[in-house]
C-alpha atoms as a PDB file:
ATOM      1  CA  MET A   1     244.332  83.638  51.069  1.00  0.00           C
ATOM      2  CA  ASP A   2     246.599  81.926  53.608  1.00  0.00           C
ATOM      3  CA  PRO A   3     245.368  83.097  57.053  1.00  0.00           C
ATOM      4  CA  ASP A   4     248.911  82.920  58.485  1.00  0.00           C
ATOM      5  CA  PRO A   5     251.317  83.547  55.592  1.00  0.00           C
ATOM      6  CA  LYS A   6     255.065  83.633  56.017  1.00  0.00           C
ATOM      7  CA  SER A   7     255.116  87.310  55.071  1.00  0.00           C
ATOM      8  CA  ALA A   8     253.003  88.054  58.149  1.00  0.00           C
ATOM      9  CA  ARG A   9     254.886  85.824  60.581  1.00  0.00           C
ATOM     10  CA  LEU A  10     258.441  86.555  59.464  1.00  0.00           C
ATOM     11  CA  GLY A  11     258.277  89.663  57.299  1.00  0.00           C
ATOM     12  CA  VAL A  12     259.457  89.972  53.727  1.00  0.00           C
ATOM     13  CA  PRO A  13     263.267  89.822  53.338  1.00  0.00           C
ATOM     14  CA  SER A  14     265.128  92.207  51.066  1.00  0.00           C
ATOM     15  CA  TYR A  15     266.207  90.623  47.805  1.00  0.00           C
ATOM     16  CA  VAL A  16     267.434  93.735  45.974  1.00  0.00           C
ATOM     17  CA  TRP A  17     270.104  96.103  47.257  1.00  0.00           C
ATOM     18  CA  ARG A  18     269.034  99.705  46.780  1.00  0.00           C
ATOM     19  CA  PHE A  19     269.569 103.229  48.108  1.00  0.00           C
ATOM     20  CA  GLY A  20     267.783 102.568  51.396  1.00  0.00           C
ATOM     21  CA  GLN A  21     270.006  99.594  52.224  1.00  0.00           C
ATOM     22  CA  ASP A  22     273.112 101.546  51.260  1.00  0.00           C
ATOM     23  CA  ARG A  23     272.129 104.302  53.652  1.00  0.00           C
ATOM     24  CA  ARG A  24     271.598 101.837  56.483  1.00  0.00           C
ATOM     25  CA  LEU A  25     274.904 100.124  55.778  1.00  0.00           C
ATOM     26  CA  ASP A  26     276.616 103.514  56.002  1.00  0.00           C
ATOM     27  CA  LEU A  27     275.075 104.012  59.450  1.00  0.00           C
ATOM     28  CA  ILE A  28     276.273 100.586  60.558  1.00  0.00           C
ATOM     29  CA  ALA A  29     279.781 101.252  59.268  1.00  0.00           C
ATOM     30  CA  ARG A  30     279.906 104.652  60.959  1.00  0.00           C
ATOM     31  CA  HIS A  31     278.776 103.479  64.387  1.00  0.00           C
ATOM     32  CA  ALA A  32     279.985  99.862  64.584  1.00  0.00           C
ATOM     33  CA  ALA A  33     283.275  99.966  62.603  1.00  0.00           C
ATOM     34  CA  PRO A  34     282.928  96.463  61.066  1.00  0.00           C
ATOM     35  CA  GLU A  35     286.286  96.393  59.261  1.00  0.00           C
ATOM     36  CA  GLY A  36     288.063  93.143  60.087  1.00  0.00           C
ATOM     37  CA  LYS A  37     285.599  92.348  62.870  1.00  0.00           C
ATOM     38  CA  ARG A  38     283.671  89.181  63.672  1.00  0.00           C
ATOM     39  CA  ILE A  39     280.118  89.989  62.552  1.00  0.00           C
ATOM     40  CA  LEU A  40     276.774  88.245  63.081  1.00  0.00           C
ATOM     41  CA  ASP A  41     273.574  89.092  61.245  1.00  0.00           C
ATOM     42  CA  ALA A  42     270.919  87.759  63.647  1.00  0.00           C
ATOM     43  CA  GLY A  43     267.884  87.237  61.432  1.00  0.00           C
ATOM     44  CA  CYS A  44     269.647  87.438  58.093  1.00  0.00           C
ATOM     45  CA  GLY A  45     266.805  86.476  55.743  1.00  0.00           C
ATOM     46  CA  VAL A  46     268.364  85.515  52.415  1.00  0.00           C
ATOM     47  CA  GLY A  47     271.708  87.035  53.417  1.00  0.00           C
ATOM     48  CA  ILE A  48     271.665  90.416  51.712  1.00  0.00           C
ATOM     49  CA  TYR A  49     273.564  92.145  54.556  1.00  0.00           C
ATOM     50  CA  VAL A  50     275.815  89.129  55.102  1.00  0.00           C
ATOM     51  CA  ARG A  51     276.969  89.503  51.505  1.00  0.00           C
ATOM     52  CA  LYS A  52     277.750  93.206  51.992  1.00  0.00           C
ATOM     53  CA  PHE A  53     279.507  92.629  55.311  1.00  0.00           C
ATOM     54  CA  ARG A  54     281.984  90.392  53.497  1.00  0.00           C
ATOM     55  CA  HIS A  55     283.410  93.555  51.920  1.00  0.00           C
ATOM     56  CA  PHE A  56     284.435  94.564  55.443  1.00  0.00           C
ATOM     57  CA  SER A  57     285.492  91.237  56.952  1.00  0.00           C
ATOM     58  CA  GLU A  58     285.928  87.540  56.148  1.00  0.00           C
ATOM     59  CA  HIS A  59     284.484  86.610  59.546  1.00  0.00           C
ATOM     60  CA  VAL A  60     280.738  86.951  58.909  1.00  0.00           C
ATOM     61  CA  SER A  61     277.961  84.647  60.093  1.00  0.00           C
ATOM     62  CA  GLY A  62     274.191  84.701  59.744  1.00  0.00           C
ATOM     63  CA  VAL A  63     271.309  83.167  61.667  1.00  0.00           C
ATOM     64  CA  GLU A  64     267.874  82.707  60.107  1.00  0.00           C
ATOM     65  CA  LEU A  65     264.799  81.033  61.588  1.00  0.00           C
ATOM     66  CA  ASP A  66     263.177  80.060  58.299  1.00  0.00           C
ATOM     67  CA  GLU A  67     264.820  76.951  56.854  1.00  0.00           C
ATOM     68  CA  GLU A  68     263.929  77.833  53.259  1.00  0.00           C
ATOM     69  CA  ARG A  69     265.525  81.273  53.512  1.00  0.00           C
ATOM     70  CA  ALA A  70     268.557  79.944  55.383  1.00  0.00           C
ATOM     71  CA  THR A  71     269.082  77.314  52.684  1.00  0.00           C
ATOM     72  CA  GLU A  72     268.782  79.912  49.932  1.00  0.00           C
ATOM     73  CA  ALA A  73     271.337  82.162  51.623  1.00  0.00           C
ATOM     74  CA  GLY A  74     273.662  79.251  52.382  1.00  0.00           C
ATOM     75  CA  GLN A  75     273.864  78.239  48.716  1.00  0.00           C
ATOM     76  CA  GLU A  76     276.083  81.271  48.067  1.00  0.00           C
ATOM     77  CA  LEU A  77     277.274  82.283  51.523  1.00  0.00           C
ATOM     78  CA  PRO A  78     279.135  80.158  54.081  1.00  0.00           C
ATOM     79  CA  GLY A  79     278.349  80.580  57.753  1.00  0.00           C
ATOM     80  CA  ILE A  80     274.537  80.634  57.581  1.00  0.00           C
ATOM     81  CA  VAL A  81     272.832  78.744  60.413  1.00  0.00           C
ATOM     82  CA  CYS A  82     269.133  77.933  60.820  1.00  0.00           C
ATOM     83  CA  ALA A  83     268.256  78.845  64.427  1.00  0.00           C
ATOM     84  CA  LEU A  84     266.221  81.139  66.658  1.00  0.00           C
ATOM     85  CA  VAL A  85     267.724  84.514  67.527  1.00  0.00           C
ATOM     86  CA  GLU A  86     266.468  83.923  71.079  1.00  0.00           C
ATOM     87  CA  THR A  87     268.817  80.905  71.374  1.00  0.00           C
ATOM     88  CA  LEU A  88     271.882  81.719  69.306  1.00  0.00           C
ATOM     89  CA  PRO A  89     274.120  78.672  68.700  1.00  0.00           C
ATOM     90  CA  PHE A  90     277.356  80.481  69.610  1.00  0.00           C
ATOM     91  CA  ALA A  91     279.564  80.750  72.673  1.00  0.00           C
ATOM     92  CA  GLU A  92     279.711  83.873  74.798  1.00  0.00           C
ATOM     93  CA  ALA A  93     281.895  86.727  73.550  1.00  0.00           C
ATOM     94  CA  THR A  94     282.175  85.399  69.985  1.00  0.00           C
ATOM     95  CA  PHE A  95     281.388  88.524  67.933  1.00  0.00           C
ATOM     96  CA  ASP A  96     282.405  92.161  67.728  1.00  0.00           C
ATOM     97  CA  VAL A  97     279.288  93.310  65.866  1.00  0.00           C
ATOM     98  CA  VAL A  98     275.758  91.899  65.896  1.00  0.00           C
ATOM     99  CA  LEU A  99     273.102  93.244  63.537  1.00  0.00           C
ATOM    100  CA  SER A 100     269.384  92.871  64.211  1.00  0.00           C
ATOM    101  CA  HIS A 101     267.780  94.395  61.135  1.00  0.00           C
ATOM    102  CA  GLU A 102     263.975  94.627  61.315  1.00  0.00           C
ATOM    103  CA  VAL A 103     263.857  91.339  63.239  1.00  0.00           C
ATOM    104  CA  LEU A 104     262.830  92.011  66.850  1.00  0.00           C
ATOM    105  CA  GLU A 105     259.300  92.962  65.836  1.00  0.00           C
ATOM    106  CA  HIS A 106     258.727  89.396  64.597  1.00  0.00           C
ATOM    107  CA  VAL A 107     260.303  87.229  67.316  1.00  0.00           C
ATOM    108  CA  GLY A 108     258.495  85.450  70.106  1.00  0.00           C
ATOM    109  CA  ASP A 109     260.542  87.102  72.869  1.00  0.00           C
ATOM    110  CA  ASP A 110     262.240  90.354  71.877  1.00  0.00           C
ATOM    111  CA  ARG A 111     263.797  90.912  75.307  1.00  0.00           C
ATOM    112  CA  ARG A 112     265.435  87.490  75.190  1.00  0.00           C
ATOM    113  CA  ALA A 113     266.670  88.118  71.640  1.00  0.00           C
ATOM    114  CA  VAL A 114     268.430  91.297  72.787  1.00  0.00           C
ATOM    115  CA  ALA A 115     269.916  89.489  75.797  1.00  0.00           C
ATOM    116  CA  GLU A 116     271.220  86.718  73.513  1.00  0.00           C
ATOM    117  CA  ALA A 117     272.825  89.254  71.203  1.00  0.00           C
ATOM    118  CA  MET A 118     274.567  90.787  74.208  1.00  0.00           C
ATOM    119  CA  ARG A 119     275.683  87.362  75.398  1.00  0.00           C
ATOM    120  CA  VAL A 120     277.514  86.545  72.158  1.00  0.00           C
ATOM    121  CA  LEU A 121     279.129  89.988  71.941  1.00  0.00           C
ATOM    122  CA  ARG A 122     282.623  90.597  73.223  1.00  0.00           C
ATOM    123  CA  PRO A 123     283.132  93.434  75.736  1.00  0.00           C
ATOM    124  CA  GLY A 124     283.290  96.615  73.694  1.00  0.00           C
ATOM    125  CA  GLY A 125     281.319  94.979  70.880  1.00  0.00           C
ATOM    126  CA  ARG A 126     278.250  96.668  69.459  1.00  0.00           C
ATOM    127  CA  LEU A 127     274.691  95.562  68.795  1.00  0.00           C
ATOM    128  CA  VAL A 128     273.015  97.439  65.936  1.00  0.00           C
ATOM    129  CA  VAL A 129     269.212  97.412  65.911  1.00  0.00           C
ATOM    130  CA  PHE A 130     266.668  98.589  63.363  1.00  0.00           C
ATOM    131  CA  VAL A 131     262.986  98.170  64.295  1.00  0.00           C
ATOM    132  CA  PRO A 132     259.703  99.786  63.189  1.00  0.00           C
ATOM    133  CA  ASN A 133     258.718 103.072  64.783  1.00  0.00           C
ATOM    134  CA  ARG A 134     255.222 103.136  66.302  1.00  0.00           C
ATOM    135  CA  TRP A 135     254.674 106.726  65.136  1.00  0.00           C
ATOM    136  CA  TRP A 136     255.375 106.196  61.431  1.00  0.00           C
ATOM    137  CA  LEU A 137     252.267 107.024  59.406  1.00  0.00           C
ATOM    138  CA  PHE A 138     251.926 103.528  57.932  1.00  0.00           C
ATOM    139  CA  GLU A 139     251.937  99.938  59.143  1.00  0.00           C
ATOM    140  CA  THR A 140     254.247  98.441  56.533  1.00  0.00           C
ATOM    141  CA  HIS A 141     253.638  94.804  57.529  1.00  0.00           C
ATOM    142  CA  GLY A 142     249.964  94.695  56.563  1.00  0.00           C
ATOM    143  CA  VAL A 143     246.987  93.909  58.800  1.00  0.00           C
ATOM    144  CA  TYR A 144     244.451  91.222  59.566  1.00  0.00           C
ATOM    145  CA  TRP A 145     240.871  92.133  58.741  1.00  0.00           C
ATOM    146  CA  ARG A 146     237.960  89.752  59.229  1.00  0.00           C
ATOM    147  CA  GLY A 147     240.318  86.826  59.642  1.00  0.00           C
ATOM    148  CA  ARG A 148     242.290  87.542  56.482  1.00  0.00           C
ATOM    149  CA  TYR A 149     245.786  88.930  56.126  1.00  0.00           C
ATOM    150  CA  HIS A 150     246.151  91.952  53.836  1.00  0.00           C
ATOM    151  CA  LEU A 151     249.687  92.915  52.846  1.00  0.00           C
ATOM    152  CA  GLY A 152     250.353  96.591  52.206  1.00  0.00           C
ATOM    153  CA  ASN A 153     251.076  99.962  53.773  1.00  0.00           C
ATOM    154  CA  ILE A 154     248.045 100.670  55.961  1.00  0.00           C
ATOM    155  CA  PRO A 155     247.820 104.234  57.329  1.00  0.00           C
ATOM    156  CA  LEU A 156     247.599 105.292  60.984  1.00  0.00           C
ATOM    157  CA  ILE A 157     247.548 101.807  62.554  1.00  0.00           C
ATOM    158  CA  GLY A 158     250.253 102.839  65.018  1.00  0.00           C
ATOM    159  CA  TYR A 159     248.121 105.691  66.305  1.00  0.00           C
ATOM    160  CA  LEU A 160     245.299 103.411  67.405  1.00  0.00           C
ATOM    161  CA  PRO A 161     244.922 102.325  71.058  1.00  0.00           C
ATOM    162  CA  ASP A 162     247.036  99.287  71.896  1.00  0.00           C
ATOM    163  CA  ALA A 163     244.111  96.860  72.064  1.00  0.00           C
ATOM    164  CA  LEU A 164     242.822  97.833  68.633  1.00  0.00           C
ATOM    165  CA  ARG A 165     246.256  97.919  67.043  1.00  0.00           C
ATOM    166  CA  GLU A 166     247.006  94.440  68.362  1.00  0.00           C
ATOM    167  CA  ARG A 167     243.778  93.103  66.860  1.00  0.00           C
ATOM    168  CA  LEU A 168     244.706  94.467  63.438  1.00  0.00           C
ATOM    169  CA  ALA A 169     248.438  93.726  63.604  1.00  0.00           C
ATOM    170  CA  PRO A 170     248.959  90.870  66.083  1.00  0.00           C
ATOM    171  CA  HIS A 171     251.781  89.510  63.936  1.00  0.00           C
ATOM    172  CA  VAL A 172     254.219  92.391  64.351  1.00  0.00           C
ATOM    173  CA  ARG A 173     255.397  94.905  66.941  1.00  0.00           C
ATOM    174  CA  ALA A 174     256.035  98.600  66.455  1.00  0.00           C
ATOM    175  CA  TYR A 175     258.101 100.362  69.108  1.00  0.00           C
ATOM    176  CA  THR A 176     257.956 103.674  70.864  1.00  0.00           C
ATOM    177  CA  ARG A 177     261.253 105.095  72.072  1.00  0.00           C
ATOM    178  CA  SER A 178     260.647 103.967  75.662  1.00  0.00           C
ATOM    179  CA  GLN A 179     259.511 100.471  74.624  1.00  0.00           C
ATOM    180  CA  LEU A 180     262.701  99.869  72.676  1.00  0.00           C
ATOM    181  CA  ARG A 181     264.958 101.227  75.410  1.00  0.00           C
ATOM    182  CA  ALA A 182     263.181  99.010  77.966  1.00  0.00           C
ATOM    183  CA  LEU A 183     264.573  95.923  76.199  1.00  0.00           C
ATOM    184  CA  PHE A 184     268.072  96.948  77.314  1.00  0.00           C
ATOM    185  CA  VAL A 185     267.358  97.718  80.957  1.00  0.00           C
ATOM    186  CA  GLY A 186     269.469  95.550  83.262  1.00  0.00           C
ATOM    187  CA  LEU A 187     271.752  94.266  80.492  1.00  0.00           C
ATOM    188  CA  PRO A 188     275.527  94.881  80.585  1.00  0.00           C
ATOM    189  CA  CYS A 189     275.524  97.596  77.946  1.00  0.00           C
ATOM    190  CA  ARG A 190     275.176 101.292  77.265  1.00  0.00           C
ATOM    191  CA  VAL A 191     273.199 102.858  74.431  1.00  0.00           C
ATOM    192  CA  VAL A 192     275.554 104.991  72.364  1.00  0.00           C
ATOM    193  CA  VAL A 193     273.178 105.979  69.539  1.00  0.00           C
ATOM    194  CA  HIS A 194     269.398 106.099  69.369  1.00  0.00           C
ATOM    195  CA  THR A 195     267.508 107.969  66.699  1.00  0.00           C
ATOM    196  CA  VAL A 196     264.823 107.383  64.077  1.00  0.00           C
ATOM    197  CA  ILE A 197     265.408 107.417  60.325  1.00  0.00           C
ATOM    198  CA  TYR A 198     263.116 108.016  57.379  1.00  0.00           C
ATOM    199  CA  PRO A 199     262.785 105.559  54.462  1.00  0.00           C
ATOM    200  CA  GLY A 200     264.803 105.317  51.276  1.00  0.00           C
ATOM    201  CA  TYR A 201     261.703 105.790  49.068  1.00  0.00           C
ATOM    202  CA  ASP A 202     263.150 103.205  46.687  1.00  0.00           C
ATOM    203  CA  LYS A 203     259.863 101.974  45.220  1.00  0.00           C
ATOM    204  CA  LEU A 204     258.711 105.549  44.673  1.00  0.00           C
ATOM    205  CA  SER A 205     262.060 106.411  43.091  1.00  0.00           C
ATOM    206  CA  ALA A 206     261.543 103.700  40.463  1.00  0.00           C
ATOM    207  CA  ARG A 207     258.358 105.487  39.333  1.00  0.00           C
ATOM    208  CA  GLN A 208     258.927 109.146  40.212  1.00  0.00           C
ATOM    209  CA  ARG A 209     262.594 109.843  40.741  1.00  0.00           C
ATOM    210  CA  ARG A 210     262.289 113.590  41.281  1.00  0.00           C
ATOM    211  CA  LEU A 211     259.557 113.246  43.870  1.00  0.00           C
ATOM    212  CA  ALA A 212     261.537 110.596  45.744  1.00  0.00           C
ATOM    213  CA  GLY A 213     264.576 112.852  45.688  1.00  0.00           C
ATOM    214  CA  ALA A 214     262.570 115.754  47.089  1.00  0.00           C
ATOM    215  CA  LEU A 215     261.170 113.570  49.883  1.00  0.00           C
ATOM    216  CA  ARG A 216     264.641 112.330  50.732  1.00  0.00           C
ATOM    217  CA  ARG A 217     265.996 115.862  51.025  1.00  0.00           C
ATOM    218  CA  LEU A 218     263.081 117.024  53.162  1.00  0.00           C
ATOM    219  CA  THR A 219     262.749 114.076  55.521  1.00  0.00           C
ATOM    220  CA  TYR A 220     266.486 113.521  55.968  1.00  0.00           C
ATOM    221  CA  MET A 221     266.696 117.138  57.059  1.00  0.00           C
ATOM    222  CA  LEU A 222     263.971 116.341  59.620  1.00  0.00           C
ATOM    223  CA  GLU A 223     266.210 113.639  61.104  1.00  0.00           C
ATOM    224  CA  GLY A 224     268.169 116.466  62.705  1.00  0.00           C
ATOM    225  CA  THR A 225     265.049 117.795  64.454  1.00  0.00           C
ATOM    226  CA  PRO A 226     262.521 116.433  66.989  1.00  0.00           C
ATOM    227  CA  LEU A 227     260.374 115.412  64.000  1.00  0.00           C
ATOM    228  CA  ARG A 228     262.769 112.492  63.501  1.00  0.00           C
ATOM    229  CA  TRP A 229     260.638 110.568  66.032  1.00  0.00           C
ATOM    230  CA  PHE A 230     257.927 110.286  63.372  1.00  0.00           C
ATOM    231  CA  GLY A 231     260.240 108.435  60.954  1.00  0.00           C
ATOM    232  CA  LEU A 232     260.103 104.880  59.693  1.00  0.00           C
ATOM    233  CA  SER A 233     262.584 102.934  61.832  1.00  0.00           C
ATOM    234  CA  HIS A 234     264.460 103.231  65.088  1.00  0.00           C
ATOM    235  CA  PHE A 235     268.238 102.987  64.753  1.00  0.00           C
ATOM    236  CA  LEU A 236     269.902 102.017  68.016  1.00  0.00           C
ATOM    237  CA  VAL A 237     273.474 101.002  68.797  1.00  0.00           C
ATOM    238  CA  ALA A 238     274.355  99.508  72.185  1.00  0.00           C
ATOM    239  CA  GLU A 239     277.890  98.748  73.359  1.00  0.00           C
ATOM    240  CA  LYS A 240     278.577  95.803  75.660  1.00  0.00           C
ATOM    241  CA  LEU A 241     280.350  96.758  78.860  1.00  0.00           C
END
């Protein structure tokens, strides 16, 4: 097995649009109003959200670190650039909406990536962030064990002490509420939304539709309670001042 596979370093991009992505797109539309706006997907993978954003606006760009993924996305979608999200190749105040979807956990410098997103936003523009929640029951990015990478949903990794978690999952971050908010301290912005959402249960739905439906009803109800902080992903929206 490759000791440093791409899936560990960069994550696995979404190739299929399903219920979970639809739900996240609804959240983006509700809190960032992308209609007719200039939109950047910073860390776009193969462009699955870029494609959907084009239903809202013709001014959509994507940045992807991995050349293979950027090339694949660019075959169908104009405006895809191969670059680091920590050094975005755009002028200040270029975009109205920037999306960072499950990207910050993989970058070399997450604080710099957030600062760059703010730099390219216009005043009043919004940065939308999804990142893994430290208190979700599973580490969805796999772990390293005895020098080998094992992909899969590994339980309770986030509940381990920092030193042990970082030995098992050095390739990916998972954020507490305070850790995520710390990335925005001192930047010219205000946080307008911050919550945690539960998953779409799409893989489970393909096998056991009724069970997935029951889990959706139960856990989405929990999103309105303090138990939301045990969900899968943080959802944060920050507005540039």
